[in-house]
Protein backbone atom coordinates (compact mmCIF):
# COMPACT_ATOMS: atom_id res chain seq x y z
CA UNK A 1 122.18 82.73 114.15
CA UNK A 2 122.53 85.90 116.25
CA UNK A 3 123.52 89.56 115.48
CA UNK A 4 126.38 91.07 117.36
CA UNK A 5 128.40 93.95 117.13
CA UNK A 6 132.04 93.40 116.04
CA UNK A 7 134.98 94.44 114.36
CA UNK A 8 134.73 95.64 110.89
CA UNK A 9 135.42 93.56 107.51
CA UNK A 10 139.09 93.97 106.71
CA UNK A 11 138.87 93.09 103.20
CA UNK A 12 139.44 95.38 100.44
CA UNK A 13 136.54 95.44 97.75
CA UNK A 14 138.82 97.61 95.75
CA UNK A 15 139.94 94.75 94.18
CA UNK A 16 136.94 93.20 92.90
CA UNK A 17 136.09 94.57 89.40
CA UNK A 18 132.25 96.32 89.17
CA UNK A 19 129.94 96.77 86.40
CA UNK A 20 130.18 100.58 85.54
CA UNK A 21 126.70 102.42 84.97
CA UNK A 22 126.49 101.83 81.52
CA UNK A 23 126.86 97.94 81.60
CA UNK A 24 124.24 97.60 84.32
CA UNK A 25 122.15 99.46 82.09
CA UNK A 26 122.66 97.70 79.23
CA UNK A 27 121.37 94.54 81.27
CA UNK A 28 118.52 96.23 83.12
CA UNK A 29 117.64 97.29 79.33
CA UNK A 30 117.70 93.45 78.41
CA UNK A 31 115.56 92.66 81.61
CA UNK A 32 113.05 95.78 80.26
CA UNK A 33 112.68 94.37 76.58
CA UNK A 34 112.44 90.69 77.89
CA UNK A 35 109.77 91.52 80.69
CA UNK A 36 107.51 92.92 78.26
CA UNK A 37 103.83 91.44 77.81
CA UNK A 38 104.12 88.35 74.91
CA UNK A 39 103.32 90.37 72.30
CA UNK A 40 104.68 93.63 72.91
CA UNK A 41 107.85 94.16 71.27
CA UNK A 42 108.76 98.24 71.98
CA UNK A 43 111.69 99.55 70.96
CA UNK A 44 112.65 96.05 68.78
CA UNK A 45 110.68 97.07 65.49
CA UNK A 46 112.95 96.41 62.37
CA UNK A 47 113.59 98.17 58.54
CA UNK A 48 112.04 94.48 56.86
CA UNK A 49 108.56 93.81 57.84
CA UNK A 50 108.83 90.01 57.80
CA UNK A 51 111.08 89.66 60.12
CA UNK A 52 113.63 87.93 57.30
CA UNK A 53 116.64 90.50 57.54
CA UNK A 54 119.70 90.71 60.01
CA UNK A 55 117.90 93.17 62.48
CA UNK A 56 115.12 90.44 62.87
CA UNK A 57 113.74 89.75 66.77
CA UNK A 58 116.07 86.36 66.59
CA UNK A 59 119.13 88.16 66.37
CA UNK A 60 118.43 90.44 69.57
CA UNK A 61 117.07 87.90 71.64
CA UNK A 62 120.21 85.67 70.75
CA UNK A 63 122.72 88.28 71.20
CA UNK A 64 121.04 89.96 74.71
CA UNK A 65 121.39 86.26 75.79
CA UNK A 66 124.80 85.77 75.01
CA UNK A 67 125.50 89.38 76.91
CA UNK A 68 123.95 87.79 79.87
CA UNK A 69 126.16 84.83 79.16
CA UNK A 70 130.01 86.79 79.15
CA UNK A 71 128.71 89.03 81.79
CA UNK A 72 127.48 86.36 84.20
CA UNK A 73 130.50 84.30 83.49
CA UNK A 74 133.21 86.96 83.35
CA UNK A 75 132.06 90.07 85.72
CA UNK A 76 129.80 88.48 88.19
CA UNK A 77 129.87 84.56 88.18
CA UNK A 78 128.93 84.07 91.53
CA UNK A 79 125.35 85.98 90.77
CA UNK A 80 123.01 82.98 89.31
CA UNK A 81 119.43 84.62 90.43
CA UNK A 82 119.79 87.78 88.14
CA UNK A 83 121.54 86.02 85.14
CA UNK A 84 119.56 82.63 85.07
CA UNK A 85 115.81 84.11 84.62
CA UNK A 86 116.78 86.63 82.38
CA UNK A 87 117.94 84.54 80.09
CA UNK A 88 115.38 82.00 80.86
CA UNK A 89 112.84 85.05 79.75
CA UNK A 90 114.76 85.70 76.59
CA UNK A 91 114.30 82.18 75.57
CA UNK A 92 110.71 82.26 75.93
CA UNK A 93 110.74 85.21 73.70
CA UNK A 94 112.85 83.32 71.13
CA UNK A 95 110.29 80.74 70.68
CA UNK A 96 107.46 83.14 70.26
CA UNK A 97 105.82 82.51 66.69
CA UNK A 98 106.62 85.86 65.83
CA UNK A 99 110.49 85.16 65.73
CA UNK A 100 110.11 81.94 63.49
CA UNK A 101 106.68 81.93 61.65
CA UNK A 102 109.06 83.88 58.68
CA UNK A 103 110.69 80.81 57.83
CA UNK A 104 107.00 79.18 56.44
CA UNK A 105 107.41 81.63 53.39
CA UNK A 106 111.11 81.73 53.09
CA UNK A 107 111.45 77.98 52.69
CA UNK A 108 109.30 78.44 49.38
CA UNK A 109 112.77 80.03 48.12
CA UNK A 110 113.56 81.86 45.11
CA UNK A 111 115.71 83.17 42.52
CA UNK A 112 117.42 85.70 44.70
CA UNK A 113 119.09 82.68 46.96
CA UNK A 114 118.83 80.14 44.26
CA UNK A 115 119.65 81.48 41.02
CA UNK A 116 117.96 79.84 38.02
CA UNK A 117 115.30 78.92 40.16
CA UNK A 118 112.41 78.93 38.34
CA UNK A 119 109.90 77.20 40.51
CA UNK A 120 108.93 77.67 44.07
CA UNK A 121 109.44 74.70 46.54
CA UNK A 122 106.43 73.09 48.82
CA UNK A 123 106.76 75.09 52.12
CA UNK A 124 107.10 73.85 55.92
CA UNK A 125 106.66 75.38 58.90
CA UNK A 126 109.14 73.92 61.42
CA UNK A 127 111.72 76.23 62.26
CA UNK A 128 114.48 73.12 63.53
CA UNK A 129 113.77 70.35 61.05
CA UNK A 130 116.14 71.57 58.11
CA UNK A 131 118.14 74.81 57.18
CA UNK A 132 117.60 77.77 59.05
CA UNK A 133 120.36 77.79 60.66
CA UNK A 134 119.87 81.38 61.40
CA UNK A 135 116.92 80.59 64.25
CA UNK A 136 118.24 76.84 64.66
CA UNK A 137 121.99 77.43 65.43
CA UNK A 138 120.96 80.46 67.78
CA UNK A 139 118.26 78.47 69.79
CA UNK A 140 120.87 75.66 70.20
CA UNK A 141 123.42 78.30 71.33
CA UNK A 142 120.88 80.11 73.87
CA UNK A 143 119.87 76.68 75.24
CA UNK A 144 123.13 74.87 75.59
CA UNK A 145 124.94 78.12 77.29
CA UNK A 146 121.86 77.98 79.77
CA UNK A 147 122.27 74.40 80.61
CA UNK A 148 126.29 74.94 80.68
CA UNK A 149 126.06 78.10 82.72
CA UNK A 150 123.50 77.19 85.23
CA UNK A 151 123.91 73.43 85.53
CA UNK A 152 120.18 73.23 84.18
CA UNK A 153 118.65 70.25 82.02
CA UNK A 154 115.54 71.44 81.53
CA UNK A 155 115.75 71.68 77.52
CA UNK A 156 117.33 68.75 77.51
CA UNK A 157 114.21 66.81 78.16
CA UNK A 158 112.63 65.65 75.81
CA UNK A 159 109.77 67.66 74.07
CA UNK A 160 111.09 71.23 75.70
CA UNK A 161 111.66 72.87 72.63
CA UNK A 162 108.14 72.46 71.33
CA UNK A 163 106.22 74.66 68.72
CA UNK A 164 102.80 75.24 67.66
CA UNK A 165 102.10 76.27 64.34
CA UNK A 166 98.40 77.24 64.28
CA UNK A 167 97.97 80.03 61.63
CA UNK A 168 94.17 81.96 61.87
CA UNK A 169 93.05 82.05 58.46
CA UNK A 170 94.33 78.97 56.92
CA UNK A 171 95.89 75.57 57.40
CA UNK A 172 94.34 72.49 58.24
CA UNK A 173 94.24 71.91 62.04
CA UNK A 174 97.08 72.87 64.67
CA UNK A 175 100.44 71.42 63.91
CA UNK A 176 103.40 70.47 66.79
CA UNK A 177 106.97 70.17 66.20
CA UNK A 178 108.68 68.51 69.85
CA UNK A 179 112.54 69.14 70.13
CA UNK A 180 115.05 69.50 72.91
CA UNK A 181 118.54 70.42 72.99
CA UNK A 182 120.47 67.14 71.89
CA UNK A 183 117.50 66.30 69.14
CA UNK A 184 117.81 69.62 67.79
CA UNK A 185 122.07 69.44 67.36
CA UNK A 186 121.13 66.01 65.74
CA UNK A 187 118.79 68.26 63.20
CA UNK A 188 121.44 70.22 62.44
CA UNK A 189 124.67 68.09 62.56
CA UNK A 190 122.49 65.61 59.78
CA UNK A 191 122.28 68.93 57.20
CA UNK A 192 125.97 69.44 57.90
CA UNK A 193 126.76 66.11 56.80
CA UNK A 194 124.22 66.44 54.30
CA UNK A 195 125.93 69.59 52.91
CA UNK A 196 129.29 68.42 52.91
CA UNK A 197 129.99 69.85 56.52
CA UNK A 198 130.50 73.07 54.74
CA UNK A 199 127.30 74.18 57.05
CA UNK A 200 123.53 74.82 57.20
CA UNK A 201 121.87 76.98 54.70
CA UNK A 202 120.52 79.95 56.55
CA UNK A 203 118.34 81.22 53.83
CA UNK A 204 117.63 78.26 51.51
CA UNK A 205 120.79 77.72 49.39
CA UNK A 206 122.98 79.84 51.09
CA UNK A 207 125.41 78.60 53.57
CA UNK A 208 126.79 81.59 55.27
CA UNK A 209 130.41 81.02 57.33
CA UNK A 210 128.94 83.42 61.05
CA UNK A 211 125.60 81.68 61.29
CA UNK A 212 127.14 78.13 61.54
CA UNK A 213 129.70 79.19 64.41
CA UNK A 214 126.58 79.11 67.08
CA UNK A 215 125.78 75.48 66.50
CA UNK A 216 129.48 74.61 66.86
CA UNK A 217 130.21 76.99 69.96
CA UNK A 218 127.13 75.24 71.19
CA UNK A 219 128.09 71.82 70.51
CA UNK A 220 131.27 72.59 72.64
CA UNK A 221 129.16 73.60 75.67
CA UNK A 222 126.99 69.98 74.96
CA UNK A 223 130.40 68.15 74.79
CA UNK A 224 131.29 69.86 78.61
CA UNK A 225 128.00 68.65 80.28
CA UNK A 226 127.70 65.10 77.98
CA UNK A 227 131.85 64.24 78.56
CA UNK A 228 131.84 63.55 74.65
CA UNK A 229 134.02 65.36 71.79
CA UNK A 230 131.09 65.95 68.88
CA UNK A 231 132.09 69.50 68.39
CA UNK A 232 136.08 68.48 67.93
CA UNK A 233 134.79 66.15 65.08
CA UNK A 234 132.52 68.70 63.67
CA UNK A 235 135.42 70.93 63.40
CA UNK A 236 137.60 68.46 61.82
CA UNK A 237 135.03 67.91 59.09
CA UNK A 238 133.98 71.96 58.57
CA UNK A 239 137.97 72.89 58.68
CA UNK A 240 138.46 70.59 55.66
CA UNK A 241 134.58 71.34 53.75
CA UNK A 242 136.06 75.41 53.93
CA UNK A 243 139.62 74.65 53.11
CA UNK A 244 138.60 72.89 49.96
CA UNK A 245 136.00 75.87 49.09
CA UNK A 246 138.15 79.21 50.04
CA UNK A 247 136.56 81.06 53.31
CA UNK A 248 139.19 83.44 52.90
CA UNK A 249 138.46 86.38 49.73
CA UNK A 250 141.86 87.51 48.65
CA UNK A 251 140.35 90.77 50.17
CA UNK A 252 140.90 89.14 53.35
CA UNK A 253 137.40 89.42 54.23
CA UNK A 254 135.26 86.15 54.33
CA UNK A 255 133.15 85.19 51.44
CA UNK A 256 129.22 86.57 52.16
CA UNK A 257 128.29 83.13 51.55
CA UNK A 258 128.96 79.55 49.74
CA UNK A 259 125.85 78.87 47.05
CA UNK A 260 124.87 75.18 47.54
CA UNK A 261 123.77 73.93 44.35
CA UNK A 262 125.48 76.37 42.35
CA UNK A 263 128.75 74.99 44.37
CA UNK A 264 130.46 78.42 44.36
CA UNK A 265 131.11 81.32 46.72
CA UNK A 266 130.16 85.15 46.83
CA UNK A 267 132.45 87.67 47.34
CA UNK A 268 132.14 89.94 50.30
CA UNK A 269 131.21 93.57 50.06
CA UNK A 270 131.23 94.71 53.96
CA UNK A 271 133.06 93.83 57.21
CA UNK A 272 129.75 93.08 58.77
CA UNK A 273 129.28 89.27 58.43
CA UNK A 274 133.29 88.43 58.60
CA UNK A 275 133.53 91.08 62.06
CA UNK A 276 130.39 88.97 63.49
CA UNK A 277 131.62 85.78 62.34
CA UNK A 278 135.39 86.71 64.10
CA UNK A 279 133.77 87.44 67.60
CA UNK A 280 132.86 84.03 67.55
CA UNK A 281 134.99 82.01 65.51
CA UNK A 282 137.52 83.03 67.74
CA UNK A 283 136.44 80.44 69.80
CA UNK A 284 138.08 78.02 68.36
CA UNK A 285 140.35 79.29 65.51
CA UNK A 286 141.91 82.39 67.15
CA UNK A 287 145.28 82.42 65.52
CA UNK A 288 143.63 82.86 62.09
CA UNK A 289 141.09 85.37 63.41
CA UNK A 290 143.43 87.39 65.21
CA UNK A 291 146.36 87.76 62.04
CA UNK A 292 143.73 88.40 59.59
CA UNK A 293 142.42 91.85 61.64
CA UNK A 294 144.64 94.09 59.66
CA UNK A 295 143.92 93.49 56.82
CA UNK A 296 139.98 92.97 57.56
CA UNK A 297 139.54 96.21 59.22
CA UNK A 298 141.43 98.72 57.07
CA UNK A 299 138.66 101.37 55.66
CA UNK A 300 136.05 100.20 57.45
CA UNK A 301 137.61 101.74 60.87
CA UNK A 302 139.90 104.34 61.08
CA UNK A 303 141.40 106.55 63.40
CA UNK A 304 142.17 110.39 62.29
CA UNK A 305 142.96 113.22 64.60
CA UNK A 306 142.68 110.83 67.68
CA UNK A 307 138.86 109.96 66.49
CA UNK A 308 137.96 106.13 65.65
CA UNK A 309 135.11 106.24 63.45
CA UNK A 310 133.18 103.52 61.35
CA UNK A 311 132.38 104.08 57.72
CA UNK A 312 129.53 102.42 55.42
CA UNK A 313 129.97 100.03 52.93
CA UNK A 314 130.62 102.16 49.91
CA UNK A 315 132.85 104.81 51.69
CA UNK A 316 134.85 102.06 53.09
CA UNK A 317 135.56 99.85 49.81
CA UNK A 318 136.59 103.32 47.94
CA UNK A 319 138.72 104.29 51.08
CA UNK A 320 140.07 100.36 50.72
CA UNK A 321 140.74 100.91 46.80
CA UNK A 322 142.36 104.59 47.08
CA UNK A 323 144.64 103.07 49.55
CA UNK A 324 145.62 99.92 47.66
CA UNK A 325 145.86 101.79 44.45
CA UNK A 326 147.86 104.80 45.79
CA UNK A 327 149.68 103.31 48.87
CA UNK A 328 148.75 106.10 50.77
CA UNK A 329 147.85 105.70 54.62
CA UNK A 330 145.26 103.43 56.04
CA UNK A 331 143.96 106.46 58.55
CA UNK A 332 144.79 109.68 56.43
CA UNK A 333 141.71 112.27 56.46
CA UNK A 334 142.54 113.65 52.99
CA UNK A 335 141.97 109.80 51.75
CA UNK A 336 138.56 109.59 53.80
CA UNK A 337 137.77 112.85 52.17
CA UNK A 338 138.16 111.56 48.58
CA UNK A 339 136.37 108.33 49.46
CA UNK A 340 133.27 109.93 50.95
CA UNK A 341 133.71 112.21 47.68
CA UNK A 342 133.71 109.09 45.33
CA UNK A 343 131.05 107.02 47.17
CA UNK A 344 128.33 110.10 47.27
CA UNK A 345 128.38 109.40 43.38
CA UNK A 346 127.37 105.82 43.56
CA UNK A 347 123.71 104.22 43.35
CA UNK A 348 122.14 103.23 46.61
CA UNK A 349 123.15 99.52 47.69
CA UNK A 350 120.59 97.11 49.13
CA UNK A 351 117.76 99.18 50.44
CA UNK A 352 118.40 97.72 54.37
CA UNK A 353 121.59 98.47 56.08
CA UNK A 354 123.42 95.48 58.07
CA UNK A 355 123.57 96.37 61.57
CA UNK A 356 127.29 96.82 60.86
CA UNK A 357 127.93 98.72 64.04
CA UNK A 358 126.85 96.34 66.30
CA UNK A 359 129.48 93.36 64.14
CA UNK A 360 131.82 95.46 64.68
CA UNK A 361 131.90 96.19 68.53
CA UNK A 362 131.05 92.77 69.15
CA UNK A 363 134.55 91.50 67.06
CA UNK A 364 136.54 94.25 68.53
CA UNK A 365 135.42 93.76 72.61
CA UNK A 366 136.61 90.04 71.78
CA UNK A 367 139.82 90.42 70.08
CA UNK A 368 140.85 93.20 72.94
CA UNK A 369 141.12 95.91 70.52
CA UNK A 370 140.62 98.31 73.44
CA UNK A 371 141.33 101.69 71.62
CA UNK A 372 138.99 101.14 68.42
CA UNK A 373 136.21 99.85 70.71
CA UNK A 374 136.51 102.58 73.26
CA UNK A 375 136.83 105.07 70.43
CA UNK A 376 133.65 103.49 68.94
CA UNK A 377 131.46 103.28 71.93
CA UNK A 378 132.79 107.24 72.80
CA UNK A 379 131.36 108.18 68.76
CA UNK A 380 127.98 106.32 69.97
CA UNK A 381 127.84 108.08 73.23
CA UNK A 382 128.00 111.31 71.59
CA UNK A 383 126.36 110.76 67.89
CA UNK A 384 124.55 107.99 67.90
CA UNK A 385 121.26 109.49 70.51
CA UNK A 386 122.36 106.87 74.19
CA UNK A 387 118.94 106.70 75.90
CA UNK A 388 118.29 105.95 79.34
CA UNK A 389 114.53 104.43 80.19
CA UNK A 390 113.54 102.55 82.98
CA UNK A 391 117.24 102.54 84.08
CA UNK A 392 118.26 100.29 80.89
CA UNK A 393 120.31 101.87 78.52
CA UNK A 394 120.19 101.61 74.71
CA UNK A 395 120.78 103.19 71.33
CA UNK A 396 117.32 104.16 69.08
CA UNK A 397 116.60 103.06 65.99
CA UNK A 398 117.89 105.52 62.93
CA UNK A 399 117.74 104.38 59.57
CA UNK A 400 119.92 107.23 58.13
CA UNK A 401 123.25 105.57 56.88
CA UNK A 402 124.57 108.77 57.07
CA UNK A 403 124.88 112.65 57.30
CA UNK A 404 125.39 114.63 54.57
CA UNK A 405 129.17 114.97 55.80
CA UNK A 406 129.22 111.21 55.11
CA UNK A 407 129.73 110.17 58.92
CA UNK A 408 128.17 107.44 60.38
CA UNK A 409 124.32 107.86 62.00
CA UNK A 410 123.12 104.61 61.08
CA UNK A 411 121.37 102.76 64.55
CA UNK A 412 119.51 99.50 64.22
CA UNK A 413 117.48 97.62 67.07
CA UNK A 414 120.12 94.49 66.93
CA UNK A 415 123.38 97.09 67.79
CA UNK A 416 121.24 99.71 70.11
CA UNK A 417 119.16 97.07 72.06
CA UNK A 418 121.91 94.02 72.01
CA UNK A 419 125.00 94.20 70.47
CA UNK A 420 126.47 97.51 71.97
CA UNK A 421 125.43 96.33 75.26
CA UNK A 422 127.59 92.76 75.00
CA UNK A 423 130.52 94.40 73.80
CA UNK A 424 130.70 96.70 76.61
CA UNK A 425 129.92 93.49 79.02
CA UNK A 426 132.49 91.27 76.80
CA UNK A 427 136.34 90.89 77.52
CA UNK A 428 139.32 90.02 75.51
CA UNK A 429 138.99 86.36 74.49
CA UNK A 430 135.42 86.09 76.25
CA UNK A 431 134.12 83.53 74.03
CA UNK A 432 137.18 81.89 73.54
CA UNK A 433 137.61 81.60 77.47
CA UNK A 434 134.28 80.14 77.54
CA UNK A 435 135.07 77.69 74.85
CA UNK A 436 138.40 76.65 77.16
CA UNK A 437 136.63 76.43 80.31
CA UNK A 438 132.93 75.66 79.77
CA UNK A 439 131.16 73.89 82.79
CA UNK A 440 130.93 70.86 83.64
CA UNK A 441 127.51 69.04 84.70
CA UNK A 442 127.39 68.95 88.48
CA UNK A 443 129.14 72.03 89.16
CA UNK A 444 126.14 73.70 90.73
CA UNK A 445 126.40 71.15 93.73
CA UNK A 446 129.70 72.27 94.56
CA UNK A 447 130.00 76.04 93.47
CA UNK A 448 129.82 78.52 96.12
CA UNK A 449 126.80 81.05 94.72
CA UNK A 450 124.57 84.46 95.62
CA UNK A 451 120.54 83.52 95.14
CA UNK A 452 117.57 85.66 96.02
CA UNK A 453 117.84 88.75 94.13
CA UNK A 454 116.33 89.38 90.80
CA UNK A 455 116.44 92.66 88.08
CA UNK A 456 112.32 92.28 88.95
CA UNK A 457 112.67 93.79 92.03
CA UNK A 458 114.43 96.46 91.05
CA UNK A 459 117.85 96.04 92.17
CA UNK A 460 120.96 96.41 89.88
CA UNK A 461 123.93 94.08 90.73
CA UNK A 462 127.36 95.39 90.10
CA UNK A 463 129.55 92.71 92.15
CA UNK A 464 128.62 89.08 92.52
CA UNK A 465 131.93 87.17 93.05
CA UNK A 466 133.60 84.38 95.09
CA UNK A 467 137.28 84.85 96.19
CA UNK A 468 138.21 81.40 97.61
CA UNK A 469 141.72 82.81 98.52
CA UNK A 470 139.73 85.38 101.00
CA UNK A 471 137.16 82.76 101.43
CA UNK A 472 134.72 85.78 101.13
CA UNK A 473 131.44 86.18 98.38
CA UNK A 474 131.16 89.78 97.84
CA UNK A 475 127.83 91.62 96.28
CA UNK A 476 127.54 95.01 95.61
CA UNK A 477 123.98 96.21 95.13
CA UNK A 478 121.67 99.46 94.38
CA UNK A 479 118.09 100.31 92.96
CA UNK A 480 118.07 101.76 89.66
CA UNK A 481 115.75 104.58 90.48
CA UNK A 482 116.73 105.25 93.96
CA UNK A 483 114.03 103.55 96.05
CA UNK A 484 114.60 101.71 98.61
CA UNK A 485 113.50 98.19 98.99
CA UNK A 486 114.68 94.96 100.68
CA UNK A 487 116.37 92.59 100.03
CA UNK A 488 117.61 89.10 101.30
CA UNK A 489 120.74 87.68 99.39
CA UNK A 490 121.54 83.81 100.21
CA UNK A 491 124.97 82.88 100.31
CA UNK A 492 124.79 79.00 99.15
CA UNK A 493 126.97 76.11 99.15
CA UNK A 494 129.23 77.57 101.51
CA UNK A 495 132.31 75.77 103.02
CA UNK A 496 131.53 74.13 106.64
CA UNK A 497 132.70 76.55 109.44
CA UNK A 498 132.35 79.98 111.40
CA UNK A 499 130.98 82.63 108.98
CA UNK A 500 130.01 86.32 109.32
CA UNK A 501 127.63 88.65 107.13
CA UNK A 502 129.41 92.46 106.81
CA UNK A 503 126.90 95.06 105.30
CA UNK A 504 128.73 98.22 104.31
CA UNK A 505 131.68 96.78 106.57
CA UNK A 506 130.02 96.03 109.30
CA UNK A 507 128.78 92.97 111.11
CA UNK A 508 125.15 92.23 111.03
CA UNK A 509 125.04 88.28 111.45
CA UNK A 510 127.67 85.39 112.35
CA UNK A 511 127.31 81.58 113.05
CA UNK A 512 128.19 77.95 112.05
CA UNK A 513 127.79 76.53 108.91
CA UNK A 514 127.92 72.73 107.86
CA UNK A 515 128.97 72.02 104.82
CA UNK A 516 126.72 73.01 101.88
CA UNK A 517 124.08 75.22 103.93
CA UNK A 518 123.17 78.69 103.32
CA UNK A 519 123.64 82.24 104.90
CA UNK A 520 121.03 84.77 104.20
CA UNK A 521 120.88 88.86 105.42
CA UNK A 522 118.47 91.03 104.97
CA UNK A 523 119.64 94.39 103.49
CA UNK A 524 117.96 97.86 103.08
CA UNK A 525 118.96 98.86 99.29
CA UNK A 526 118.65 102.06 97.58
CA UNK A 527 120.27 104.54 95.20
CA UNK A 528 123.86 104.39 97.05
CA UNK A 529 125.35 101.11 96.51
CA UNK A 530 125.50 99.05 99.03
CA UNK A 531 127.81 96.10 99.60
CA UNK A 532 127.13 92.65 100.91
CA UNK A 533 130.30 90.07 102.22
CA UNK A 534 129.51 86.38 103.73
CA UNK A 535 133.05 85.62 105.29
CA UNK A 536 134.70 82.78 106.42
CA UNK A 537 135.87 83.57 109.80
CA UNK A 538 137.44 79.52 110.83
CA UNK A 539 136.54 76.11 109.70
CA UNK A 540 135.12 73.30 112.17
CA UNK A 541 137.35 71.25 114.26
């Protein structure tokens, strides 16, 4: 290789979408949280102290992982070295004992989840062997997504998912529970079959619609790698089971859960679990999900006087009641005022608030509801304290549900750390498009990638795409804090031929490559964006 002056790059880079400041900021925040010393959970503290509720560490880590996944697959598909280590670190955090140790006490069960129970069960610490799909299902999807996106079999190896249970002051010595991705999948399949294919329990005796979406999606990714159709066979039985029990309530919302022993469902009272289920069920049930949007969203989401708002459960249910009984406009300021007044007189509901904002924006992003999504993000940026820290963007926790006017004020760490970022990074039908076209085993050997750049270098990558028509690999970088660093992006698996490297349009390197060879360029990166393009000039004769 040699450095020679030459003509400027003629490629128009404006046709390649860039991450905006907010999207890059969310990824940086994911990195900041995942890079904390083990045992530190800054900004991730939850309302409920035992990690049993819906804003627990496991849910935050899972959604951050899925956010990295959609960012990589849809927006910067040529970037490996930024996304893969981040996803790997999030999986590492997911396997920390602080994340899964809640299950020992939860496995005792009780009459809140199993009405009529008068005696506790014998507890067990293994977080994967049965039930607990609210953890095991996410871990399966996280590791399956990692394997599918990066063609890496790390978590398919025996014992790669190992959990050590060794409390300091009780027990009869350490216990180790050894799994891998496929044995975890088999454990979940066994539970599904045992329960008549209605799904696996989250808490003892309770089967939630939403929590079972994640292992089903994971099975699809594994099918792509293994050449199987496990997900297809599961869905056939899963659909039939829910057709019998009735997934959709007369309200249009999905039932909150199914009581396994009592063989009955619980009617829904909030949009949260319906919205979250839809954000991922759109993969395999898109027509149904999209057909239900209007009946599910009204009252919870309004657009009045040009402002999109989300409404707290009691207000939304009062709103829906007024609309249904009086045939009122579904976006009427007067109806909203009455609903807020009526709700103010109602007694307090459950002491902890669902992370509804995060559920809803994931749903809106997946369904491509741009007006509603942009409206809620604008509301968040105006009212919910967007905060920048070390280049990362998040929304800090606020446990108050509404202000005195009845307007939304609640922000939980699930939404503020993970889900709002996911919604900004996702695209319309983002999960569905991955479901329809998962990457197959072996793809990494033939695809063209950019390696050599990591978030730990202080660099945000705003572009990372391979354009096969132009035979160009495009990378755009900047440092989050304005300092200057030297980066060495590596273009891998380039087709054979004459190649040139351009930095901000100027030729810096050129040479001849055999097929599969790499090309690298040393670049100074600072607070201003720098564009690096590896461009094919001519093929080998």
